[in-house]
Amino acid sequence: MARASVFRSVCLRALGCIVEDIHCTPDGLFPHTPEPNFINLQDLCRFTRERGACLGFATDPDADRIAVVNEKGEFLGEELSLALAARYVLSRTKERGRPVVINMSTSRVCEDIAREAGSELIRTAVGEVNVAERMEKAKAIIGGEGNGGVIDPRVHYGRDAIVGMGLILEYMARTGQSCSQLADALPKYQMLKTKMECPAARSREVIRHLKAETPNARANTEDGLRLDWDDRWVHLRASNTEPVMRIIAEARTREAAQALVDEYTARVQTILTA
C-alpha cells in the first residue's frame, strides 16, 4: 500500500503534472478509513479548492480504484471516474462498435455513453474477475466497475487507478475542458445503496419471489436480481462476505431512487417475515 502511494505520484509527475500530496506519507497510517468516499475525502475536496488545483484524485490503498474531485472541490465520486474514462476512450477509437463491459451495480451513465457511441453494453456479475473475463471474451474496448475500477485492455485486464487517472487527464488535455465541464456533460442519475439482514440460505427465495412479483420490468438473474425500467433500476444481491442483502437503486432523481430503495427494502422484509 505504501509503494502504491509513492508510485502514483511518480507516474503523475512523469505525465507532466504538478503534484501536491495529501495524506500520502507511506507509513501505513491513515487519518481516516481508507475507502475513497464522500465522507472520507472532505480534506481532499477542501485542499483541491484552496490550492487552485485542476482536479484531485484519491485511490483505495492498493490503487485499483479511483475517485475524482473537480477543480471546484466538489466530490464527483467513483461512478463518474469510470464514466469519464469510458467516454474519452469511446470518443477516440476508430473501432466503433466494440463492447463496453460493466457490472450489474454500475451506473446507467456508462450504458448511455456506450449507446451514444454505437457500442454494445454488456453487464456481468459483480467482481473484477467477472468483468475482466467477459471483456477478454467480448474483445471489449473499455470496462470496469462503478466503484472506480477502470479496466483498459490495452494495458492489462485489471482495475487500475493510475490508468484511470491517465485517461481522465488526457481527456482534459485533448478537449481543453475542465474536470467539471466534462462531468457536467455526462448523463445525470442519482444512485443510492443500502443493505439489510438476510440469511444466505433465504436469498434465493427472496430473489425468486421478487422476480415473479415484477413482471413489468426487464429482469436479469446473473447476479442476484437486477430489475430495469426505462427510467430507473434496482439491483438486489446477497453479500459474499456477510449475511445481508445489498440493494442498489438508480433513477433520474434522488427521490425516485429513494422510493425504489424503500420499496424493495419493505418487499424483502415482507418475504422474510412471511
C-alpha atoms as a PDB file:
ATOM      1  CA  MET A   1       0.000   0.000   0.000  1.00  0.00           C
ATOM      2  CA  ALA A   2       2.840   2.375   0.791  1.00  0.00           C
ATOM      3  CA  ARG A   3       4.518   1.644  -2.535  1.00  0.00           C
ATOM      4  CA  ALA A   4       1.221   2.308  -4.351  1.00  0.00           C
ATOM      5  CA  SER A   5       1.072   5.837  -2.902  1.00  0.00           C
ATOM      6  CA  VAL A   6       4.630   6.654  -3.980  1.00  0.00           C
ATOM      7  CA  PHE A   7       4.247   5.060  -7.423  1.00  0.00           C
ATOM      8  CA  ARG A   8       1.051   7.015  -8.064  1.00  0.00           C
ATOM      9  CA  SER A   9       2.810  10.347  -7.520  1.00  0.00           C
ATOM     10  CA  VAL A  10       5.807   9.280  -9.617  1.00  0.00           C
ATOM     11  CA  CYS A  11       3.530   8.344 -12.518  1.00  0.00           C
ATOM     12  CA  LEU A  12       1.595  11.615 -12.376  1.00  0.00           C
ATOM     13  CA  ARG A  13       4.798  13.655 -12.353  1.00  0.00           C
ATOM     14  CA  ALA A  14       6.082  11.628 -15.304  1.00  0.00           C
ATOM     15  CA  LEU A  15       2.939  12.711 -17.181  1.00  0.00           C
ATOM     16  CA  GLY A  16       3.896  16.340 -16.596  1.00  0.00           C
ATOM     17  CA  CYS A  17       1.580  17.023 -13.659  1.00  0.00           C
ATOM     18  CA  ILE A  18       2.441  19.288 -10.762  1.00  0.00           C
ATOM     19  CA  VAL A  19       1.519  17.054  -7.846  1.00  0.00           C
ATOM     20  CA  GLU A  20       0.730  18.056  -4.277  1.00  0.00           C
ATOM     21  CA  ASP A  21       0.140  15.105  -1.985  1.00  0.00           C
ATOM     22  CA  ILE A  22      -2.241  14.960   0.931  1.00  0.00           C
ATOM     23  CA  HIS A  23      -2.329  12.055   3.400  1.00  0.00           C
ATOM     24  CA  CYS A  24       0.195  10.149   1.273  1.00  0.00           C
ATOM     25  CA  THR A  25       3.008   9.527   3.768  1.00  0.00           C
ATOM     26  CA  PRO A  26       3.896   5.866   3.163  1.00  0.00           C
ATOM     27  CA  ASP A  27       3.868   4.794   6.815  1.00  0.00           C
ATOM     28  CA  GLY A  28       0.756   2.601   6.747  1.00  0.00           C
ATOM     29  CA  LEU A  29      -1.189   5.047   8.921  1.00  0.00           C
ATOM     30  CA  PHE A  30      -4.422   6.618   7.640  1.00  0.00           C
ATOM     31  CA  PRO A  31      -6.074   9.796   9.005  1.00  0.00           C
ATOM     32  CA  HIS A  32      -9.447   8.177   8.236  1.00  0.00           C
ATOM     33  CA  THR A  33     -10.765   4.853   6.998  1.00  0.00           C
ATOM     34  CA  PRO A  34      -9.199   4.379   3.556  1.00  0.00           C
ATOM     35  CA  GLU A  35     -12.374   3.920   1.494  1.00  0.00           C
ATOM     36  CA  PRO A  36     -12.388   6.801  -1.067  1.00  0.00           C
ATOM     37  CA  ASN A  37     -15.929   8.033  -0.440  1.00  0.00           C
ATOM     38  CA  PHE A  38     -17.558  11.432   0.106  1.00  0.00           C
ATOM     39  CA  ILE A  39     -17.216  11.443   3.899  1.00  0.00           C
ATOM     40  CA  ASN A  40     -13.563  10.427   3.923  1.00  0.00           C
ATOM     41  CA  LEU A  41     -12.439  12.830   1.189  1.00  0.00           C
ATOM     42  CA  GLN A  42     -13.525  16.151   2.666  1.00  0.00           C
ATOM     43  CA  ASP A  43      -9.886  17.107   3.293  1.00  0.00           C
ATOM     44  CA  LEU A  44      -9.087  16.434  -0.371  1.00  0.00           C
ATOM     45  CA  CYS A  45     -12.094  18.481  -1.519  1.00  0.00           C
ATOM     46  CA  ARG A  46     -11.012  21.434   0.591  1.00  0.00           C
ATOM     47  CA  PHE A  47      -7.327  21.099  -0.366  1.00  0.00           C
ATOM     48  CA  THR A  48      -8.120  20.908  -4.099  1.00  0.00           C
ATOM     49  CA  ARG A  49     -10.251  24.045  -3.933  1.00  0.00           C
ATOM     50  CA  GLU A  50      -7.854  26.040  -1.738  1.00  0.00           C
ATOM     51  CA  ARG A  51      -4.764  25.166  -3.799  1.00  0.00           C
ATOM     52  CA  GLY A  52      -6.461  26.045  -7.085  1.00  0.00           C
ATOM     53  CA  ALA A  53      -5.755  22.587  -8.463  1.00  0.00           C
ATOM     54  CA  CYS A  54      -7.284  21.435 -11.746  1.00  0.00           C
ATOM     55  CA  LEU A  55      -8.586  18.303 -10.003  1.00  0.00           C
ATOM     56  CA  GLY A  56      -7.965  15.912  -7.144  1.00  0.00           C
ATOM     57  CA  PHE A  57      -7.526  12.148  -7.214  1.00  0.00           C
ATOM     58  CA  ALA A  58      -7.991   9.606  -4.444  1.00  0.00           C
ATOM     59  CA  THR A  59      -7.445   5.873  -4.568  1.00  0.00           C
ATOM     60  CA  ASP A  60      -8.065   2.947  -2.312  1.00  0.00           C
ATOM     61  CA  PRO A  61      -4.959   1.528  -0.555  1.00  0.00           C
ATOM     62  CA  ASP A  62      -3.996  -0.919  -3.326  1.00  0.00           C
ATOM     63  CA  ALA A  63      -4.593   1.670  -6.076  1.00  0.00           C
ATOM     64  CA  ASP A  64      -7.069  -0.259  -8.199  1.00  0.00           C
ATOM     65  CA  ARG A  65      -9.982   2.158  -7.673  1.00  0.00           C
ATOM     66  CA  ILE A  66     -10.165   5.913  -8.171  1.00  0.00           C
ATOM     67  CA  ALA A  67     -12.404   8.771  -7.041  1.00  0.00           C
ATOM     68  CA  VAL A  68     -12.283  12.280  -8.510  1.00  0.00           C
ATOM     69  CA  VAL A  69     -12.700  15.780  -7.055  1.00  0.00           C
ATOM     70  CA  ASN A  70     -13.191  18.577  -9.594  1.00  0.00           C
ATOM     71  CA  GLU A  71     -11.427  21.947  -9.622  1.00  0.00           C
ATOM     72  CA  LYS A  72     -14.221  23.464  -7.516  1.00  0.00           C
ATOM     73  CA  GLY A  73     -13.525  20.993  -4.729  1.00  0.00           C
ATOM     74  CA  GLU A  74     -16.690  19.026  -5.494  1.00  0.00           C
ATOM     75  CA  PHE A  75     -16.644  15.262  -4.994  1.00  0.00           C
ATOM     76  CA  LEU A  76     -17.596  13.515  -8.235  1.00  0.00           C
ATOM     77  CA  GLY A  77     -17.295  10.073  -6.764  1.00  0.00           C
ATOM     78  CA  GLU A  78     -16.239   6.731  -8.114  1.00  0.00           C
ATOM     79  CA  GLU A  79     -19.081   6.063 -10.565  1.00  0.00           C
ATOM     80  CA  LEU A  80     -18.130   9.044 -12.715  1.00  0.00           C
ATOM     81  CA  SER A  81     -14.459   8.017 -12.770  1.00  0.00           C
ATOM     82  CA  LEU A  82     -15.291   5.062 -14.999  1.00  0.00           C
ATOM     83  CA  ALA A  83     -17.819   7.125 -16.977  1.00  0.00           C
ATOM     84  CA  LEU A  84     -15.262   9.836 -17.821  1.00  0.00           C
ATOM     85  CA  ALA A  85     -12.648   7.275 -18.824  1.00  0.00           C
ATOM     86  CA  ALA A  86     -15.155   5.344 -20.947  1.00  0.00           C
ATOM     87  CA  ARG A  87     -16.442   8.420 -22.759  1.00  0.00           C
ATOM     88  CA  TYR A  88     -12.906   9.503 -23.585  1.00  0.00           C
ATOM     89  CA  VAL A  89     -11.847   6.081 -24.908  1.00  0.00           C
ATOM     90  CA  LEU A  90     -15.025   5.750 -26.979  1.00  0.00           C
ATOM     91  CA  SER A  91     -14.594   9.252 -28.401  1.00  0.00           C
ATOM     92  CA  ARG A  92     -11.074   8.452 -29.629  1.00  0.00           C
ATOM     93  CA  THR A  93     -11.452   4.933 -31.009  1.00  0.00           C
ATOM     94  CA  LYS A  94     -11.585   4.144 -34.706  1.00  0.00           C
ATOM     95  CA  GLU A  95     -13.080   0.736 -33.891  1.00  0.00           C
ATOM     96  CA  ARG A  96     -16.689   1.751 -33.412  1.00  0.00           C
ATOM     97  CA  GLY A  97     -18.989  -0.882 -32.024  1.00  0.00           C
ATOM     98  CA  ARG A  98     -16.583  -2.723 -29.751  1.00  0.00           C
ATOM     99  CA  PRO A  99     -18.381  -3.575 -26.484  1.00  0.00           C
ATOM    100  CA  VAL A 100     -18.182  -1.907 -23.097  1.00  0.00           C
ATOM    101  CA  VAL A 101     -18.366  -4.248 -20.089  1.00  0.00           C
ATOM    102  CA  ILE A 102     -19.524  -3.207 -16.605  1.00  0.00           C
ATOM    103  CA  ASN A 103     -21.057  -4.994 -13.633  1.00  0.00           C
ATOM    104  CA  MET A 104     -24.711  -5.142 -12.602  1.00  0.00           C
ATOM    105  CA  SER A 105     -24.366  -2.421  -9.958  1.00  0.00           C
ATOM    106  CA  THR A 106     -22.641   0.177 -12.145  1.00  0.00           C
ATOM    107  CA  SER A 107     -24.427   3.405 -13.060  1.00  0.00           C
ATOM    108  CA  ARG A 108     -26.520   3.681 -16.204  1.00  0.00           C
ATOM    109  CA  VAL A 109     -24.315   6.624 -17.161  1.00  0.00           C
ATOM    110  CA  CYS A 110     -21.922   4.136 -18.792  1.00  0.00           C
ATOM    111  CA  GLU A 111     -24.823   2.438 -20.552  1.00  0.00           C
ATOM    112  CA  ASP A 112     -25.933   5.749 -22.071  1.00  0.00           C
ATOM    113  CA  ILE A 113     -22.363   6.573 -23.109  1.00  0.00           C
ATOM    114  CA  ALA A 114     -21.950   3.208 -24.834  1.00  0.00           C
ATOM    115  CA  ARG A 115     -25.255   3.600 -26.690  1.00  0.00           C
ATOM    116  CA  GLU A 116     -24.286   7.117 -27.767  1.00  0.00           C
ATOM    117  CA  ALA A 117     -21.052   5.712 -29.258  1.00  0.00           C
ATOM    118  CA  GLY A 118     -22.784   2.818 -31.011  1.00  0.00           C
ATOM    119  CA  SER A 119     -21.231   0.199 -28.717  1.00  0.00           C
ATOM    120  CA  GLU A 120     -22.890  -2.805 -27.124  1.00  0.00           C
ATOM    121  CA  LEU A 121     -23.144  -2.609 -23.337  1.00  0.00           C
ATOM    122  CA  ILE A 122     -22.567  -5.909 -21.523  1.00  0.00           C
ATOM    123  CA  ARG A 123     -23.260  -6.356 -17.824  1.00  0.00           C
ATOM    124  CA  THR A 124     -21.699  -9.065 -15.654  1.00  0.00           C
ATOM    125  CA  ALA A 125     -21.870 -10.278 -12.094  1.00  0.00           C
ATOM    126  CA  VAL A 126     -20.172  -8.002  -9.571  1.00  0.00           C
ATOM    127  CA  GLY A 127     -16.463  -8.668  -9.213  1.00  0.00           C
ATOM    128  CA  GLU A 128     -13.313  -7.644 -11.062  1.00  0.00           C
ATOM    129  CA  VAL A 129     -12.643 -11.142 -12.373  1.00  0.00           C
ATOM    130  CA  ASN A 130     -16.147 -11.410 -13.864  1.00  0.00           C
ATOM    131  CA  VAL A 131     -15.769  -8.109 -15.712  1.00  0.00           C
ATOM    132  CA  ALA A 132     -12.233  -8.895 -16.893  1.00  0.00           C
ATOM    133  CA  GLU A 133     -13.130 -12.342 -18.220  1.00  0.00           C
ATOM    134  CA  ARG A 134     -16.137 -11.006 -20.133  1.00  0.00           C
ATOM    135  CA  MET A 135     -14.063  -8.126 -21.510  1.00  0.00           C
ATOM    136  CA  GLU A 136     -11.448 -10.519 -22.856  1.00  0.00           C
ATOM    137  CA  LYS A 137     -14.069 -12.831 -24.348  1.00  0.00           C
ATOM    138  CA  ALA A 138     -16.014  -9.969 -25.974  1.00  0.00           C
ATOM    139  CA  LYS A 139     -12.881  -8.056 -27.045  1.00  0.00           C
ATOM    140  CA  ALA A 140     -14.236  -5.019 -25.186  1.00  0.00           C
ATOM    141  CA  ILE A 141     -12.660  -1.622 -25.704  1.00  0.00           C
ATOM    142  CA  ILE A 142     -13.095  -0.432 -22.096  1.00  0.00           C
ATOM    143  CA  GLY A 143     -14.773  -1.671 -18.957  1.00  0.00           C
ATOM    144  CA  GLY A 144     -14.731  -1.774 -15.194  1.00  0.00           C
ATOM    145  CA  GLU A 145     -16.850  -1.353 -12.109  1.00  0.00           C
ATOM    146  CA  GLY A 146     -18.693   1.646 -10.743  1.00  0.00           C
ATOM    147  CA  ASN A 147     -16.604   1.581  -7.565  1.00  0.00           C
ATOM    148  CA  GLY A 148     -13.945   3.455  -9.537  1.00  0.00           C
ATOM    149  CA  GLY A 149     -12.284   0.408 -11.076  1.00  0.00           C
ATOM    150  CA  VAL A 150     -11.241   1.300 -14.637  1.00  0.00           C
ATOM    151  CA  ILE A 151     -10.011  -1.539 -16.879  1.00  0.00           C
ATOM    152  CA  ASP A 152      -8.257  -0.656 -20.138  1.00  0.00           C
ATOM    153  CA  PRO A 153      -7.309  -3.845 -22.023  1.00  0.00           C
ATOM    154  CA  ARG A 154      -4.545  -2.001 -23.882  1.00  0.00           C
ATOM    155  CA  VAL A 155      -2.675  -2.016 -20.556  1.00  0.00           C
ATOM    156  CA  HIS A 156      -3.931  -5.140 -18.761  1.00  0.00           C
ATOM    157  CA  TYR A 157      -7.162  -6.837 -17.665  1.00  0.00           C
ATOM    158  CA  GLY A 158      -7.229  -5.496 -14.143  1.00  0.00           C
ATOM    159  CA  ARG A 159      -8.682  -2.478 -12.368  1.00  0.00           C
ATOM    160  CA  ASP A 160      -6.039   0.228 -12.269  1.00  0.00           C
ATOM    161  CA  ALA A 161      -6.408   3.661 -10.680  1.00  0.00           C
ATOM    162  CA  ILE A 162      -3.286   5.014 -12.379  1.00  0.00           C
ATOM    163  CA  VAL A 163      -4.654   4.038 -15.797  1.00  0.00           C
ATOM    164  CA  GLY A 164      -7.911   5.792 -14.885  1.00  0.00           C
ATOM    165  CA  MET A 165      -6.027   8.927 -13.865  1.00  0.00           C
ATOM    166  CA  GLY A 166      -4.125   8.948 -17.143  1.00  0.00           C
ATOM    167  CA  LEU A 167      -7.271   8.620 -19.240  1.00  0.00           C
ATOM    168  CA  ILE A 168      -9.080  11.426 -17.411  1.00  0.00           C
ATOM    169  CA  LEU A 169      -6.052  13.739 -17.613  1.00  0.00           C
ATOM    170  CA  GLU A 170      -5.662  13.045 -21.329  1.00  0.00           C
ATOM    171  CA  TYR A 171      -9.383  13.702 -21.826  1.00  0.00           C
ATOM    172  CA  MET A 172      -8.962  17.127 -20.218  1.00  0.00           C
ATOM    173  CA  ALA A 173      -5.779  17.880 -22.173  1.00  0.00           C
ATOM    174  CA  ARG A 174      -7.201  16.948 -25.573  1.00  0.00           C
ATOM    175  CA  THR A 175     -10.522  18.763 -25.098  1.00  0.00           C
ATOM    176  CA  GLY A 176      -9.196  21.779 -23.213  1.00  0.00           C
ATOM    177  CA  GLN A 177     -12.141  21.417 -20.839  1.00  0.00           C
ATOM    178  CA  SER A 178     -12.080  21.404 -17.062  1.00  0.00           C
ATOM    179  CA  CYS A 179     -12.990  18.385 -14.990  1.00  0.00           C
ATOM    180  CA  SER A 180     -16.310  19.986 -14.005  1.00  0.00           C
ATOM    181  CA  GLN A 181     -17.188  20.756 -17.645  1.00  0.00           C
ATOM    182  CA  LEU A 182     -16.554  17.152 -18.702  1.00  0.00           C
ATOM    183  CA  ALA A 183     -18.542  15.810 -15.750  1.00  0.00           C
ATOM    184  CA  ASP A 184     -21.441  18.216 -16.331  1.00  0.00           C
ATOM    185  CA  ALA A 185     -21.803  16.845 -19.872  1.00  0.00           C
ATOM    186  CA  LEU A 186     -22.433  13.309 -18.591  1.00  0.00           C
ATOM    187  CA  PRO A 187     -25.981  11.904 -18.265  1.00  0.00           C
ATOM    188  CA  LYS A 188     -27.456  12.665 -14.851  1.00  0.00           C
ATOM    189  CA  TYR A 189     -28.608   9.969 -12.416  1.00  0.00           C
ATOM    190  CA  GLN A 190     -28.864   9.547  -8.665  1.00  0.00           C
ATOM    191  CA  MET A 191     -27.770   6.293  -7.033  1.00  0.00           C
ATOM    192  CA  LEU A 192     -28.495   5.084  -3.504  1.00  0.00           C
ATOM    193  CA  LYS A 193     -27.256   1.974  -1.721  1.00  0.00           C
ATOM    194  CA  THR A 194     -28.310   0.153   1.411  1.00  0.00           C
ATOM    195  CA  LYS A 195     -28.184  -3.313   2.935  1.00  0.00           C
ATOM    196  CA  MET A 196     -30.369  -5.327   5.264  1.00  0.00           C
ATOM    197  CA  GLU A 197     -30.044  -8.549   7.198  1.00  0.00           C
ATOM    198  CA  CYS A 198     -30.914 -11.584   5.109  1.00  0.00           C
ATOM    199  CA  PRO A 199     -29.726 -15.128   5.841  1.00  0.00           C
ATOM    200  CA  ALA A 200     -27.739 -16.513   2.910  1.00  0.00           C
ATOM    201  CA  ALA A 201     -29.958 -19.600   2.861  1.00  0.00           C
ATOM    202  CA  ARG A 202     -33.019 -17.449   2.089  1.00  0.00           C
ATOM    203  CA  SER A 203     -31.553 -15.102  -0.516  1.00  0.00           C
ATOM    204  CA  ARG A 204     -32.581 -17.287  -3.477  1.00  0.00           C
ATOM    205  CA  GLU A 205     -36.123 -17.464  -2.155  1.00  0.00           C
ATOM    206  CA  VAL A 206     -36.242 -13.669  -1.901  1.00  0.00           C
ATOM    207  CA  ILE A 207     -34.934 -13.254  -5.455  1.00  0.00           C
ATOM    208  CA  ARG A 208     -37.435 -15.786  -6.837  1.00  0.00           C
ATOM    209  CA  HIS A 209     -40.385 -14.033  -5.191  1.00  0.00           C
ATOM    210  CA  LEU A 210     -39.317 -10.553  -6.288  1.00  0.00           C
ATOM    211  CA  LYS A 211     -38.827 -11.605  -9.892  1.00  0.00           C
ATOM    212  CA  ALA A 212     -42.290 -13.164 -10.009  1.00  0.00           C
ATOM    213  CA  GLU A 213     -43.848 -10.061  -8.424  1.00  0.00           C
ATOM    214  CA  THR A 214     -42.371  -7.636 -11.012  1.00  0.00           C
ATOM    215  CA  PRO A 215     -43.397  -8.830 -14.492  1.00  0.00           C
ATOM    216  CA  ASN A 216     -43.300  -5.309 -15.991  1.00  0.00           C
ATOM    217  CA  ALA A 217     -39.515  -4.920 -15.541  1.00  0.00           C
ATOM    218  CA  ARG A 218     -36.628  -6.364 -17.520  1.00  0.00           C
ATOM    219  CA  ALA A 219     -35.084  -8.932 -15.180  1.00  0.00           C
ATOM    220  CA  ASN A 220     -31.518 -10.239 -15.048  1.00  0.00           C
ATOM    221  CA  THR A 221     -30.660 -13.001 -12.566  1.00  0.00           C
ATOM    222  CA  GLU A 222     -26.989 -13.497 -13.393  1.00  0.00           C
ATOM    223  CA  ASP A 223     -26.052 -11.936 -10.040  1.00  0.00           C
ATOM    224  CA  GLY A 224     -28.992 -11.772  -7.670  1.00  0.00           C
ATOM    225  CA  LEU A 225     -31.753  -9.796  -9.365  1.00  0.00           C
ATOM    226  CA  ARG A 226     -31.488  -6.640 -11.430  1.00  0.00           C
ATOM    227  CA  LEU A 227     -34.774  -5.041 -12.494  1.00  0.00           C
ATOM    228  CA  ASP A 228     -34.718  -2.398 -15.223  1.00  0.00           C
ATOM    229  CA  TRP A 229     -37.350   0.100 -16.293  1.00  0.00           C
ATOM    230  CA  ASP A 230     -36.857   2.863 -18.849  1.00  0.00           C
ATOM    231  CA  ASP A 231     -36.087   5.499 -16.219  1.00  0.00           C
ATOM    232  CA  ARG A 232     -34.755   3.549 -13.222  1.00  0.00           C
ATOM    233  CA  TRP A 233     -33.321   0.249 -11.995  1.00  0.00           C
ATOM    234  CA  VAL A 234     -32.708  -1.692  -8.793  1.00  0.00           C
ATOM    235  CA  HIS A 235     -30.202  -4.456  -8.080  1.00  0.00           C
ATOM    236  CA  LEU A 236     -30.537  -6.882  -5.184  1.00  0.00           C
ATOM    237  CA  ARG A 237     -27.793  -9.378  -4.378  1.00  0.00           C
ATOM    238  CA  ALA A 238     -26.677 -11.428  -1.420  1.00  0.00           C
ATOM    239  CA  SER A 239     -23.324 -10.395   0.011  1.00  0.00           C
ATOM    240  CA  ASN A 240     -20.449 -12.839  -0.405  1.00  0.00           C
ATOM    241  CA  THR A 241     -18.948 -11.826   2.930  1.00  0.00           C
ATOM    242  CA  GLU A 242     -21.830 -11.265   5.370  1.00  0.00           C
ATOM    243  CA  PRO A 243     -25.465 -12.380   5.834  1.00  0.00           C
ATOM    244  CA  VAL A 244     -27.032  -9.321   4.203  1.00  0.00           C
ATOM    245  CA  MET A 245     -28.918  -8.385   1.062  1.00  0.00           C
ATOM    246  CA  ARG A 246     -27.430  -5.412  -0.768  1.00  0.00           C
ATOM    247  CA  ILE A 247     -29.892  -3.088  -2.501  1.00  0.00           C
ATOM    248  CA  ILE A 248     -28.682  -0.562  -5.088  1.00  0.00           C
ATOM    249  CA  ALA A 249     -31.110   1.718  -6.912  1.00  0.00           C
ATOM    250  CA  GLU A 250     -30.669   4.443  -9.515  1.00  0.00           C
ATOM    251  CA  ALA A 251     -33.077   6.921 -11.064  1.00  0.00           C
ATOM    252  CA  ARG A 252     -33.154  10.402 -12.548  1.00  0.00           C
ATOM    253  CA  THR A 253     -33.871  11.988  -9.163  1.00  0.00           C
ATOM    254  CA  ARG A 254     -32.804  11.215  -5.613  1.00  0.00           C
ATOM    255  CA  GLU A 255     -36.440  10.988  -4.570  1.00  0.00           C
ATOM    256  CA  ALA A 256     -37.178   8.315  -7.181  1.00  0.00           C
ATOM    257  CA  ALA A 257     -34.076   6.344  -6.197  1.00  0.00           C
ATOM    258  CA  GLN A 258     -35.047   6.556  -2.519  1.00  0.00           C
ATOM    259  CA  ALA A 259     -38.535   5.341  -3.350  1.00  0.00           C
ATOM    260  CA  LEU A 260     -37.056   2.258  -5.032  1.00  0.00           C
ATOM    261  CA  VAL A 261     -34.783   1.538  -2.078  1.00  0.00           C
ATOM    262  CA  ASP A 262     -37.668   1.905   0.353  1.00  0.00           C
ATOM    263  CA  GLU A 263     -39.997  -0.226  -1.764  1.00  0.00           C
ATOM    264  CA  TYR A 264     -37.608  -3.140  -2.153  1.00  0.00           C
ATOM    265  CA  THR A 265     -36.370  -2.999   1.424  1.00  0.00           C
ATOM    266  CA  ALA A 266     -40.002  -3.384   2.504  1.00  0.00           C
ATOM    267  CA  ARG A 267     -40.600  -6.166  -0.031  1.00  0.00           C
ATOM    268  CA  VAL A 268     -37.605  -8.164   1.172  1.00  0.00           C
ATOM    269  CA  GLN A 269     -38.694  -7.713   4.781  1.00  0.00           C
ATOM    270  CA  THR A 270     -42.209  -8.928   3.940  1.00  0.00           C
ATOM    271  CA  ILE A 271     -40.852 -12.081   2.274  1.00  0.00           C
ATOM    272  CA  LEU A 272     -38.514 -12.825   5.178  1.00  0.00           C
ATOM    273  CA  THR A 273     -41.232 -12.452   7.802  1.00  0.00           C
ATOM    274  CA  ALA A 274     -43.959 -14.339   5.892  1.00  0.00           C
END
